[in-house]
């Protein structure tokens, strides 16, 4: 069936980066996502091994996206400044 494209990430990246920096911002964003794909299962496995349960793992899975949302919302004011340039 193949992979389906996820246009949300490139769209958000293009909204927050200037025209000159869109490619770099997209590359950095992709790199961070790939690091998360590599490190995430390892951290989840460690938390399960250390706590002998899944509670901390579920907490991390719930808190990490919230931290990401807070980081993204902190950039919201910068979006209008970048768009004006």
N, C-alpha and C. Protein backbone atom coordinates (compact mmCIF):
# COMPACT_ATOMS: atom_id res chain seq x y z
N UNK A 1 0.82 -1.19 0.00
CA UNK A 1 0.00 0.00 0.00
C UNK A 1 0.87 1.26 0.00
N UNK A 2 2.05 1.20 0.57
CA UNK A 2 2.92 2.38 0.57
C UNK A 2 2.64 3.30 1.75
N UNK A 3 3.43 4.32 1.82
CA UNK A 3 3.29 5.27 2.92
C UNK A 3 2.40 6.44 2.50
N UNK A 4 1.64 6.93 3.44
CA UNK A 4 0.83 8.11 3.20
C UNK A 4 1.59 9.34 3.68
N UNK A 5 1.52 10.40 2.94
CA UNK A 5 2.23 11.62 3.31
C UNK A 5 1.53 12.29 4.49
N UNK A 6 2.33 12.90 5.35
CA UNK A 6 1.81 13.67 6.48
C UNK A 6 2.17 15.13 6.23
N UNK A 7 1.24 15.91 5.69
CA UNK A 7 1.56 17.30 5.33
C UNK A 7 1.61 18.26 6.51
N UNK A 8 1.21 17.83 7.69
CA UNK A 8 1.13 18.76 8.82
C UNK A 8 2.52 19.26 9.23
N UNK A 9 3.49 18.39 9.32
CA UNK A 9 4.82 18.80 9.78
C UNK A 9 5.50 19.77 8.80
N UNK A 10 5.57 19.47 7.50
CA UNK A 10 6.16 20.45 6.59
C UNK A 10 5.39 21.77 6.54
N UNK A 11 4.08 21.70 6.69
CA UNK A 11 3.29 22.92 6.69
C UNK A 11 3.63 23.79 7.90
N UNK A 12 3.67 23.18 9.08
CA UNK A 12 4.02 23.93 10.29
C UNK A 12 5.45 24.48 10.20
N UNK A 13 6.35 23.68 9.66
CA UNK A 13 7.74 24.14 9.51
C UNK A 13 7.80 25.35 8.60
N UNK A 14 7.07 25.32 7.51
CA UNK A 14 7.10 26.44 6.57
C UNK A 14 6.42 27.68 7.14
N UNK A 15 5.48 27.49 8.06
CA UNK A 15 4.83 28.65 8.67
C UNK A 15 5.74 29.37 9.66
N UNK A 16 6.61 28.62 10.34
CA UNK A 16 7.43 29.21 11.38
C UNK A 16 8.82 29.60 10.91
N UNK A 17 9.26 29.14 9.76
CA UNK A 17 10.59 29.47 9.26
C UNK A 17 10.48 30.49 8.13
N UNK A 18 11.52 31.27 7.99
CA UNK A 18 11.55 32.23 6.88
C UNK A 18 11.76 31.46 5.57
N UNK A 19 11.54 32.14 4.46
CA UNK A 19 11.69 31.49 3.16
C UNK A 19 13.11 30.97 2.95
N UNK A 20 14.08 31.70 3.47
CA UNK A 20 15.47 31.30 3.29
C UNK A 20 15.84 30.09 4.15
N UNK A 21 15.10 29.86 5.24
CA UNK A 21 15.48 28.81 6.18
C UNK A 21 14.54 27.61 6.18
N UNK A 22 13.59 27.55 5.26
CA UNK A 22 12.61 26.47 5.27
C UNK A 22 13.27 25.11 5.08
N UNK A 23 14.20 25.01 4.15
CA UNK A 23 14.85 23.71 3.90
C UNK A 23 15.67 23.27 5.11
N UNK A 24 16.39 24.19 5.71
CA UNK A 24 17.18 23.85 6.90
C UNK A 24 16.27 23.46 8.05
N UNK A 25 15.20 24.22 8.26
CA UNK A 25 14.26 23.90 9.34
C UNK A 25 13.61 22.54 9.10
N UNK A 26 13.28 22.23 7.87
CA UNK A 26 12.71 20.92 7.55
C UNK A 26 13.70 19.79 7.82
N UNK A 27 14.96 20.01 7.49
CA UNK A 27 15.98 19.00 7.75
C UNK A 27 16.21 18.77 9.23
N UNK A 28 16.25 19.86 9.99
CA UNK A 28 16.43 19.74 11.44
C UNK A 28 15.23 19.05 12.06
N UNK A 29 14.05 19.40 11.62
CA UNK A 29 12.83 18.77 12.14
C UNK A 29 12.83 17.28 11.84
N UNK A 30 13.18 16.90 10.62
CA UNK A 30 13.25 15.49 10.26
C UNK A 30 14.29 14.75 11.09
N UNK A 31 15.42 15.38 11.33
CA UNK A 31 16.47 14.76 12.14
C UNK A 31 15.98 14.53 13.57
N UNK A 32 15.29 15.50 14.14
CA UNK A 32 14.76 15.35 15.50
C UNK A 32 13.75 14.21 15.55
N UNK A 33 12.88 14.12 14.56
CA UNK A 33 11.90 13.03 14.52
C UNK A 33 12.59 11.68 14.43
N UNK A 34 13.64 11.58 13.61
CA UNK A 34 14.34 10.31 13.48
C UNK A 34 15.08 9.95 14.77
N UNK A 35 15.65 10.93 15.45
CA UNK A 35 16.29 10.66 16.74
C UNK A 35 15.25 10.16 17.75
N UNK A 36 14.08 10.75 17.72
CA UNK A 36 13.01 10.29 18.60
C UNK A 36 12.60 8.86 18.31
N UNK A 37 12.60 8.49 17.04
CA UNK A 37 12.25 7.12 16.66
C UNK A 37 13.30 6.12 17.13
N UNK A 38 14.55 6.56 17.21
CA UNK A 38 15.62 5.68 17.67
C UNK A 38 15.69 5.64 19.19
N UNK A 39 15.58 6.80 19.83
CA UNK A 39 15.77 6.89 21.28
C UNK A 39 14.50 6.50 22.04
N UNK A 40 13.33 6.76 21.49
CA UNK A 40 12.07 6.51 22.19
C UNK A 40 11.89 5.09 22.69
N UNK A 41 12.03 4.09 21.84
CA UNK A 41 11.87 2.71 22.32
C UNK A 41 12.90 2.32 23.37
N UNK A 42 14.12 2.84 23.22
CA UNK A 42 15.17 2.56 24.19
C UNK A 42 14.81 3.14 25.56
N UNK A 43 14.36 4.38 25.59
CA UNK A 43 13.95 5.02 26.85
C UNK A 43 12.75 4.30 27.45
N UNK A 44 11.80 3.92 26.61
CA UNK A 44 10.62 3.19 27.10
C UNK A 44 11.04 1.86 27.72
N UNK A 45 11.93 1.15 27.06
CA UNK A 45 12.41 -0.12 27.60
C UNK A 45 13.14 0.05 28.92
N UNK A 46 13.97 1.09 29.01
CA UNK A 46 14.67 1.35 30.27
C UNK A 46 13.69 1.66 31.40
N UNK A 47 12.68 2.48 31.10
CA UNK A 47 11.73 2.83 32.16
C UNK A 47 10.93 1.61 32.61
N UNK A 48 10.62 0.70 31.70
CA UNK A 48 9.92 -0.53 32.07
C UNK A 48 10.83 -1.42 32.92
N UNK A 49 12.10 -1.53 32.52
CA UNK A 49 13.04 -2.35 33.28
C UNK A 49 13.30 -1.78 34.67
N UNK A 50 13.45 -0.47 34.78
CA UNK A 50 13.77 0.15 36.07
C UNK A 50 12.59 0.12 37.04
N UNK A 51 11.39 0.34 36.52
CA UNK A 51 10.24 0.43 37.41
C UNK A 51 9.44 -0.87 37.50
N UNK A 52 9.80 -1.85 36.66
CA UNK A 52 9.09 -3.14 36.61
C UNK A 52 7.60 -2.97 36.33
N UNK A 53 7.28 -1.96 35.55
CA UNK A 53 5.90 -1.72 35.18
C UNK A 53 5.83 -0.72 34.03
N UNK A 54 4.62 -0.46 33.60
CA UNK A 54 4.42 0.42 32.46
C UNK A 54 3.97 1.82 32.85
N UNK A 55 3.79 2.10 34.14
CA UNK A 55 3.27 3.39 34.58
C UNK A 55 4.10 4.57 34.12
N UNK A 56 5.42 4.51 34.34
CA UNK A 56 6.29 5.61 33.94
C UNK A 56 6.33 5.77 32.42
N UNK A 57 6.29 4.65 31.72
CA UNK A 57 6.30 4.71 30.26
C UNK A 57 5.06 5.43 29.73
N UNK A 58 3.90 5.09 30.27
CA UNK A 58 2.67 5.78 29.85
C UNK A 58 2.71 7.26 30.22
N UNK A 59 3.30 7.57 31.37
CA UNK A 59 3.42 8.97 31.78
C UNK A 59 4.32 9.73 30.80
N UNK A 60 5.44 9.12 30.44
CA UNK A 60 6.33 9.76 29.47
C UNK A 60 5.65 9.95 28.11
N UNK A 61 4.87 8.95 27.71
CA UNK A 61 4.16 9.07 26.43
C UNK A 61 3.08 10.15 26.46
N UNK A 62 2.57 10.44 27.64
CA UNK A 62 1.55 11.49 27.77
C UNK A 62 2.19 12.87 27.90
N UNK A 63 3.30 12.96 28.61
CA UNK A 63 3.91 14.26 28.90
C UNK A 63 4.73 14.78 27.71
N UNK A 64 5.41 13.91 27.00
CA UNK A 64 6.28 14.35 25.90
C UNK A 64 5.53 15.17 24.84
N UNK A 65 4.35 14.75 24.36
CA UNK A 65 3.64 15.59 23.39
C UNK A 65 3.18 16.92 23.99
N UNK A 66 2.86 16.92 25.27
CA UNK A 66 2.48 18.19 25.90
C UNK A 66 3.65 19.16 25.95
N UNK A 67 4.83 18.65 26.23
CA UNK A 67 6.03 19.50 26.21
C UNK A 67 6.26 20.03 24.79
N UNK A 68 6.07 19.17 23.80
CA UNK A 68 6.20 19.62 22.41
C UNK A 68 5.20 20.70 22.05
N UNK A 69 3.97 20.55 22.53
CA UNK A 69 2.94 21.58 22.28
C UNK A 69 3.31 22.90 22.93
N UNK A 70 3.85 22.84 24.14
CA UNK A 70 4.28 24.06 24.82
C UNK A 70 5.42 24.73 24.07
N UNK A 71 6.36 23.94 23.59
CA UNK A 71 7.46 24.51 22.81
C UNK A 71 6.95 25.15 21.53
N UNK A 72 6.03 24.49 20.86
CA UNK A 72 5.47 25.02 19.63
C UNK A 72 4.66 26.29 19.89
N UNK A 73 3.92 26.31 20.98
CA UNK A 73 3.13 27.51 21.29
C UNK A 73 4.02 28.68 21.67
N UNK A 74 5.22 28.41 22.20
CA UNK A 74 6.14 29.51 22.51
C UNK A 74 6.66 30.17 21.24
N UNK A 75 6.60 29.47 20.12
CA UNK A 75 7.04 30.04 18.84
C UNK A 75 5.95 30.84 18.15
N UNK A 76 4.73 30.79 18.64
CA UNK A 76 3.61 31.40 17.93
C UNK A 76 3.82 32.89 17.71
N UNK A 77 4.30 33.62 18.69
CA UNK A 77 4.53 35.05 18.53
C UNK A 77 5.60 35.36 17.49
N UNK A 78 6.57 34.48 17.35
CA UNK A 78 7.65 34.67 16.39
C UNK A 78 7.16 34.47 14.96
N UNK A 79 6.08 33.75 14.78
CA UNK A 79 5.56 33.49 13.44
C UNK A 79 5.17 34.79 12.75
N UNK A 80 4.50 35.67 13.45
CA UNK A 80 4.08 36.93 12.83
C UNK A 80 5.29 37.83 12.56
N UNK A 81 6.32 37.77 13.41
CA UNK A 81 7.51 38.57 13.16
C UNK A 81 8.25 38.07 11.92
N UNK A 82 8.35 36.74 11.77
CA UNK A 82 9.02 36.16 10.61
C UNK A 82 8.25 36.42 9.34
N UNK A 83 6.94 36.36 9.39
CA UNK A 83 6.11 36.58 8.20
C UNK A 83 6.23 38.02 7.72
N UNK A 84 6.47 38.96 8.63
CA UNK A 84 6.59 40.36 8.25
C UNK A 84 7.90 40.64 7.51
N UNK A 85 8.91 39.80 7.72
CA UNK A 85 10.20 40.03 7.08
C UNK A 85 10.20 39.56 5.71
